[in-house]
Protein backbone atom coordinates (compact mmCIF):
# COMPACT_ATOMS: atom_id res chain seq x y z
CA MET A 1 -9.42 -12.72 27.81
CA ALA A 2 -8.55 -13.71 24.26
CA ILE A 3 -6.47 -10.83 23.17
CA THR A 4 -2.85 -11.19 24.50
CA HIS A 5 -0.18 -8.45 24.38
CA ARG A 6 1.07 -7.49 21.12
CA GLY A 7 3.95 -5.12 19.97
CA PRO A 8 3.10 -1.55 18.77
CA GLY A 9 1.39 -1.61 15.32
CA TRP A 10 0.77 -5.28 15.51
CA TYR A 11 -2.44 -4.66 13.46
CA TRP A 12 -0.43 -3.32 10.64
CA THR A 13 2.05 -6.25 10.85
CA THR A 14 -0.94 -8.63 10.64
CA TYR A 15 -2.43 -6.75 7.64
CA TRP A 16 0.75 -6.51 5.51
CA GLY A 17 1.81 -9.99 6.62
CA ASP A 18 -1.45 -11.35 5.00
CA GLY A 19 -0.13 -10.33 1.51
CA HIS A 20 -1.68 -6.88 1.09
CA THR A 21 0.44 -4.85 -1.23
CA ALA A 22 -1.73 -1.78 -2.25
CA SER A 23 -0.51 0.50 0.57
CA CYS A 24 -3.98 1.33 1.90
CA ALA A 25 -5.45 1.92 -1.57
CA GLN A 26 -7.83 -0.98 -1.61
CA GLY A 27 -10.80 1.29 -2.02
CA ALA A 28 -9.38 3.12 -5.07
CA PRO A 29 -11.17 2.58 -8.34
CA GLY A 30 -9.77 -0.25 -10.48
CA ALA A 31 -7.98 2.09 -12.88
CA ALA A 32 -6.13 3.95 -10.09
CA ALA A 33 -3.27 1.51 -9.84
CA GLY A 34 -1.97 2.56 -13.28
CA GLN A 35 -2.22 6.13 -12.30
CA LEU A 36 -0.30 5.62 -9.10
CA LYS A 37 2.33 3.65 -10.80
CA ALA A 38 2.75 6.50 -13.32
CA LEU A 39 2.90 9.07 -10.45
CA TRP A 40 5.73 7.28 -8.67
CA SER A 41 7.51 6.44 -11.88
CA ALA A 42 7.68 10.09 -12.97
CA PHE A 43 8.98 10.98 -9.50
CA ALA A 44 11.72 8.32 -9.84
CA GLN A 45 12.68 9.36 -13.43
CA ALA A 46 13.11 12.94 -12.17
CA ARG A 47 15.91 11.86 -9.69
CA PRO A 48 19.63 11.40 -10.77
CA ALA A 49 21.25 7.97 -10.70
CA GLY A 50 22.42 7.05 -7.23
CA ALA A 51 19.76 9.24 -5.51
CA ARG A 52 18.67 7.81 -2.11
CA VAL A 53 14.89 7.69 -1.98
CA LEU A 54 12.90 6.57 1.09
CA ASP A 55 9.28 5.49 0.94
CA LEU A 56 7.77 6.34 4.35
CA ALA A 57 5.09 4.10 5.84
CA THR A 58 5.93 1.64 2.95
CA GLY A 59 3.39 -0.97 3.94
CA GLY A 60 3.36 -3.61 1.35
CA GLY A 61 6.26 -1.87 -0.59
CA GLN A 62 4.22 -1.14 -3.67
CA ALA A 63 5.28 2.37 -4.30
CA ALA A 64 8.90 1.67 -3.56
CA ALA A 65 8.89 -1.20 -6.06
CA TRP A 66 7.40 1.13 -8.73
CA LEU A 67 10.15 3.63 -8.02
CA LEU A 68 13.00 1.15 -8.51
CA ALA A 69 11.21 -0.41 -11.55
CA ALA A 70 11.10 3.10 -13.21
CA HIS A 71 14.70 3.91 -12.28
CA PRO A 72 16.89 1.03 -11.42
CA GLY A 73 19.74 3.48 -10.62
CA LEU A 74 18.05 4.71 -7.48
CA LEU A 75 18.89 3.49 -4.06
CA VAL A 76 15.36 2.81 -2.60
CA THR A 77 14.48 2.14 0.97
CA GLY A 78 11.08 1.44 2.40
CA ALA A 79 10.42 2.00 6.08
CA ASP A 80 7.50 1.00 8.10
CA PHE A 81 6.37 0.94 11.81
CA ALA A 82 5.15 -2.66 11.20
CA ASP A 83 7.28 -5.69 11.59
CA LEU A 84 8.04 -6.75 7.91
CA PRO A 85 10.62 -8.86 6.10
CA ALA A 86 13.84 -7.13 5.15
CA GLU A 87 13.54 -8.40 1.60
CA ARG A 88 10.37 -9.10 -0.48
CA PRO A 89 9.97 -10.95 -3.80
CA GLU A 90 7.48 -8.52 -5.02
CA ALA A 91 10.01 -5.51 -4.60
CA PRO A 92 13.44 -6.85 -5.55
CA GLY A 93 16.27 -4.56 -4.90
CA VAL A 94 14.42 -2.43 -2.24
CA THR A 95 15.86 -2.42 1.29
CA PHE A 96 13.09 -2.50 3.84
CA VAL A 97 13.46 -1.33 7.39
CA SER A 98 10.93 -2.45 10.05
CA GLY A 99 10.05 -0.90 13.44
CA ALA A 100 10.59 2.62 12.03
CA PRO A 101 7.94 5.02 13.60
CA LEU A 102 7.30 8.10 11.60
CA GLU A 103 7.91 10.03 14.76
CA LYS A 104 11.34 8.63 15.36
CA LEU A 105 12.98 7.42 12.21
CA PRO A 106 16.18 5.40 12.44
CA PHE A 107 18.13 7.40 9.82
CA ALA A 108 20.84 9.94 10.01
CA ASP A 109 20.31 13.75 9.29
CA ASN A 110 20.17 14.41 5.51
CA ALA A 111 20.16 10.64 4.75
CA PHE A 112 17.85 10.85 1.71
CA ASP A 113 17.61 12.76 -1.53
CA GLY A 114 13.92 12.00 -1.96
CA LEU A 115 10.91 11.14 0.28
CA ILE A 116 7.62 9.61 -0.72
CA SER A 117 4.63 8.20 0.95
CA GLN A 118 1.47 6.57 -0.59
CA PHE A 119 -1.33 6.77 1.96
CA GLY A 120 1.07 6.46 4.91
CA PHE A 121 2.69 9.65 6.28
CA GLU A 122 -0.51 11.08 7.51
CA TYR A 123 -0.93 8.21 9.98
CA GLY A 124 1.81 9.58 12.18
CA GLU A 125 1.62 12.28 14.86
CA ARG A 126 1.90 15.32 12.57
CA THR A 127 4.31 17.52 14.41
CA ALA A 128 6.85 14.87 15.20
CA SER A 129 6.60 13.24 11.83
CA VAL A 130 7.08 16.50 9.93
CA ARG A 131 10.23 17.21 12.02
CA GLU A 132 11.70 13.91 11.22
CA ALA A 133 10.89 14.18 7.46
CA ALA A 134 12.62 17.48 7.38
CA ARG A 135 15.59 16.21 9.38
CA ILE A 136 16.35 13.23 7.07
CA LEU A 137 15.79 14.94 3.76
CA ALA A 138 19.12 16.34 2.33
CA PRO A 139 19.34 19.92 1.26
CA GLY A 140 18.16 20.11 -2.37
CA GLY A 141 16.00 16.94 -1.89
CA HIS A 142 12.51 16.65 -3.00
CA GLY A 143 9.47 14.88 -1.70
CA LEU A 144 5.95 13.79 -2.62
CA PHE A 145 3.30 12.64 -0.38
CA LEU A 146 -0.20 11.24 -1.49
CA SER A 147 -2.38 11.34 1.51
CA HIS A 148 -5.93 10.38 2.44
CA HIS A 149 -8.58 12.81 1.57
CA ASP A 150 -11.76 12.72 3.67
CA GLN A 151 -13.94 12.70 0.53
CA SER A 152 -11.91 10.28 -1.52
CA ALA A 153 -13.16 7.11 -3.12
CA ILE A 154 -10.87 5.25 -0.79
CA THR A 155 -12.31 7.01 2.32
CA GLN A 156 -15.78 6.22 1.07
CA ASP A 157 -14.94 2.68 0.67
CA TYR A 158 -13.53 2.36 4.27
CA GLU A 159 -16.71 3.95 5.50
CA ALA A 160 -18.99 1.87 3.56
CA ARG A 161 -17.28 -1.32 4.79
CA GLY A 162 -16.32 0.14 8.36
CA ARG A 163 -19.73 1.29 9.53
CA PRO A 164 -21.56 -2.11 9.33
CA PHE A 165 -18.46 -3.93 10.53
CA ILE A 166 -18.33 -1.74 13.75
CA ALA A 167 -22.08 -1.92 14.17
CA ALA A 168 -22.27 -5.70 13.81
CA LEU A 169 -19.24 -7.05 15.27
CA VAL A 170 -18.04 -4.32 17.86
CA ASP A 171 -21.15 -2.39 18.90
CA ARG A 172 -23.35 -5.56 19.29
CA ASP A 173 -20.35 -7.65 20.53
CA PRO A 174 -21.78 -11.13 19.65
CA LEU A 175 -18.54 -12.74 20.58
CA ARG A 176 -18.90 -12.21 24.27
CA PRO A 177 -22.05 -14.37 24.74
CA ALA A 178 -20.70 -16.92 22.12
CA ARG A 179 -17.59 -17.43 24.18
CA ARG A 180 -19.78 -17.80 27.33
CA VAL A 181 -21.87 -20.56 25.80
CA PHE A 182 -18.82 -22.66 24.75
CA ASP A 183 -17.02 -22.04 28.01
CA LEU A 184 -20.07 -23.44 29.77
CA HIS A 185 -20.24 -26.45 27.41
CA ARG A 186 -16.53 -27.08 28.12
CA ARG A 187 -17.05 -26.96 31.86
CA GLY A 188 -20.18 -29.30 31.64
CA ALA A 189 -22.67 -26.64 33.01
CA SER A 190 -26.22 -27.47 33.82
CA ALA A 191 -28.88 -27.62 31.23
CA THR A 192 -30.58 -24.49 32.59
CA ALA A 193 -27.31 -22.40 32.51
CA LEU A 194 -26.69 -23.60 28.95
CA SER A 195 -30.18 -22.81 27.75
CA GLU A 196 -29.98 -19.27 29.20
CA ALA A 197 -26.48 -18.60 27.70
CA GLU A 198 -27.56 -19.96 24.31
CA ALA A 199 -30.56 -17.72 24.18
CA ARG A 200 -28.42 -14.67 24.96
CA MET A 201 -25.93 -15.74 22.18
CA ARG A 202 -28.84 -16.22 19.67
CA SER A 203 -30.17 -12.68 20.54
CA ALA A 204 -26.74 -11.15 20.19
CA VAL A 205 -26.11 -12.73 16.85
CA ALA A 206 -29.50 -11.69 15.63
CA LYS A 207 -28.71 -8.07 16.48
CA ALA A 208 -25.53 -8.33 14.60
CA GLN A 209 -27.38 -9.70 11.56
CA ASP A 210 -29.91 -6.84 11.85
CA ALA A 211 -27.03 -4.17 12.03
CA MET A 212 -26.03 -5.19 8.49
CA ALA A 213 -29.54 -4.96 7.04
CA ASN A 214 -29.43 -1.33 5.66
CA ALA A 215 -25.72 -1.18 4.56
CA PRO A 216 -24.13 -3.67 2.36
CA PRO A 217 -20.95 -4.79 4.21
CA HIS A 218 -18.00 -6.32 2.50
CA ALA A 219 -17.98 -10.13 2.35
CA GLU A 220 -15.77 -10.49 5.35
CA VAL A 221 -18.38 -9.24 7.76
CA ARG A 222 -20.99 -11.50 6.21
CA ARG A 223 -18.73 -14.59 6.62
CA HIS A 224 -17.97 -13.75 10.30
CA VAL A 225 -21.73 -13.28 11.16
CA ALA A 226 -22.60 -16.44 9.20
CA TYR A 227 -20.21 -18.40 11.31
CA LEU A 228 -21.67 -17.02 14.47
CA GLN A 229 -25.08 -17.82 13.25
CA ALA A 230 -24.06 -21.40 12.66
CA LEU A 231 -22.64 -21.50 16.20
CA ALA A 232 -25.92 -20.09 17.64
CA ALA A 233 -28.15 -22.49 15.68
CA GLU A 234 -26.77 -25.66 16.95
CA PRO A 235 -23.91 -25.03 19.54
CA ALA A 236 -23.97 -28.68 20.60
CA ARG A 237 -22.62 -29.66 17.16
CA PHE A 238 -19.29 -27.75 17.81
CA GLU A 239 -16.41 -29.10 19.99
CA PRO A 240 -16.10 -26.41 22.69
CA SER A 241 -12.32 -25.96 22.73
CA ASP A 242 -12.26 -25.70 18.87
CA ALA A 243 -15.10 -23.23 18.93
CA LEU A 244 -13.38 -21.12 21.66
CA SER A 245 -10.09 -21.22 19.66
CA ARG A 246 -11.88 -19.92 16.57
CA LEU A 247 -13.63 -17.22 18.45
CA ASP A 248 -10.26 -16.12 19.79
CA THR A 249 -8.99 -15.81 16.31
CA LEU A 250 -12.05 -13.88 15.18
CA GLU A 251 -11.81 -11.50 17.97
CA ALA A 252 -8.19 -10.69 17.14
CA MET A 253 -9.16 -10.24 13.53
CA ILE A 254 -12.00 -7.88 14.55
CA LEU A 255 -9.71 -5.89 16.79
CA SER A 256 -7.20 -5.58 14.05
CA TRP A 257 -9.70 -4.29 11.57
CA ARG A 258 -11.24 -1.88 14.02
CA LEU A 259 -7.76 -0.36 14.90
CA ARG A 260 -7.06 0.14 11.21
CA TYR A 261 -10.39 1.67 10.57
CA GLU A 262 -9.93 4.12 13.51
CA ALA A 263 -6.46 4.96 12.32
CA HIS A 264 -7.73 5.77 8.85
CA ARG A 265 -10.45 7.98 10.22
CA ARG A 266 -7.71 9.93 12.26
CA ALA A 267 -5.44 10.19 9.16
CA MET A 268 -7.83 11.34 6.60
CA MET A 269 -7.64 15.17 5.92
CA ASP A 270 -10.06 17.67 4.89
CA GLU A 271 -8.92 21.05 3.32
CA ALA A 272 -8.16 22.56 6.75
CA GLY A 273 -6.22 19.52 7.87
CA VAL A 274 -4.04 19.33 4.82
CA GLN A 275 -3.36 23.06 4.99
CA ALA A 276 -2.35 22.67 8.60
CA LEU A 277 -0.04 19.83 7.60
CA ALA A 278 1.59 21.99 4.83
CA ALA A 279 2.01 24.86 7.29
CA ARG A 280 3.85 22.56 9.76
CA MET A 281 6.08 21.42 6.96
CA ALA A 282 6.91 24.99 6.10
CA ARG A 283 7.79 25.84 9.72
CA GLU A 284 10.31 23.01 9.58
CA GLY A 285 12.05 24.74 6.69
CA LEU A 286 10.44 22.84 3.75
CA VAL A 287 9.28 24.60 0.65
CA VAL A 288 5.68 23.19 0.12
CA GLN A 289 3.66 23.52 -2.99
CA PRO A 290 -0.07 24.25 -2.18
CA PRO A 291 -1.65 20.73 -1.69
CA THR A 292 -4.10 19.73 -4.43
CA PRO A 293 -6.74 17.10 -4.66
CA TYR A 294 -5.39 14.16 -6.83
CA ALA A 295 -7.80 12.31 -8.95
CA ASP A 296 -7.48 9.34 -11.39
CA GLY A 297 -8.05 9.41 -15.09
CA VAL A 298 -11.77 9.45 -14.91
CA GLY A 299 -12.21 12.07 -12.09
CA ALA A 300 -12.30 9.81 -9.06
CA LEU A 301 -10.88 11.49 -6.07
CA LEU A 302 -7.90 9.50 -4.68
CA GLY A 303 -6.24 11.75 -2.15
CA TRP A 304 -4.22 14.97 -1.47
CA ARG A 305 -1.05 15.51 -3.46
CA ILE A 306 1.70 17.34 -1.43
CA ASP A 307 4.90 18.32 -3.29
CA PHE A 308 7.81 19.72 -1.27
CA ALA A 309 11.54 20.34 -1.27
CA LYS A 310 14.25 21.18 1.12
CA PRO A 311 16.32 24.31 0.20
CA ALA A 312 19.97 23.53 -0.96
């Protein structure tokens, strides 16, 4: 078995550790970054100097960095479930806290004067996450969450990339027969056993290729399938241990992507979902403005905007 034990949230640790900074906004239109920066800059500038602001599910720290750049007088913290560095060059001055699940945050009651989250808060278990957010927000504090909408440009991009990825590399599972082939080569199996295993690998890889025919997947999927095609075409050209090692790496990459894709599908909200979240927040004593669809400057839907406060 190639996948060994990993800590909780390892797939997010891998993702952010690879240098992604856009806080799950990769599918947003190109102009959206400026709009998101303006959103968080306005939130920051509305806070007094010395205010303590927490970016929940901070990921790459993009939103936290924008807060501090807009208002250097803030005390900004970014918290995430993933295992991330305490300091990052792309977010100077921000304090980062790793291993901080939304459902059990490592902060005292009333620890922050402001809470934000850019495409992150909705990934937690809603009841416990809302309770924790209400607990750590100080009386008189304000919050703003930007959360995934089930019809947003970001969700559409996730689906456009995710469906062929799942179809080709998960449902068809071409790695299993590929690993079998190179395990047989490594053990010096008979020509008959090798021939049968290689035929199964070629069939599985061909099915993976066919799964991408009607939907243009992102380049990463094509690259993975192309590598498998090369293995299937001439397996004898590849050193077995090296091929098995690369297949292990590819399997971990596929699993990581699948877990993030499934997490996004659970996190995205339709109208009923966001209203249910707002109702939970209200039950915890927060004053919540009606959630509204948030679009960029040319009308592309980005997510749900949720503004709230804790009574003084």
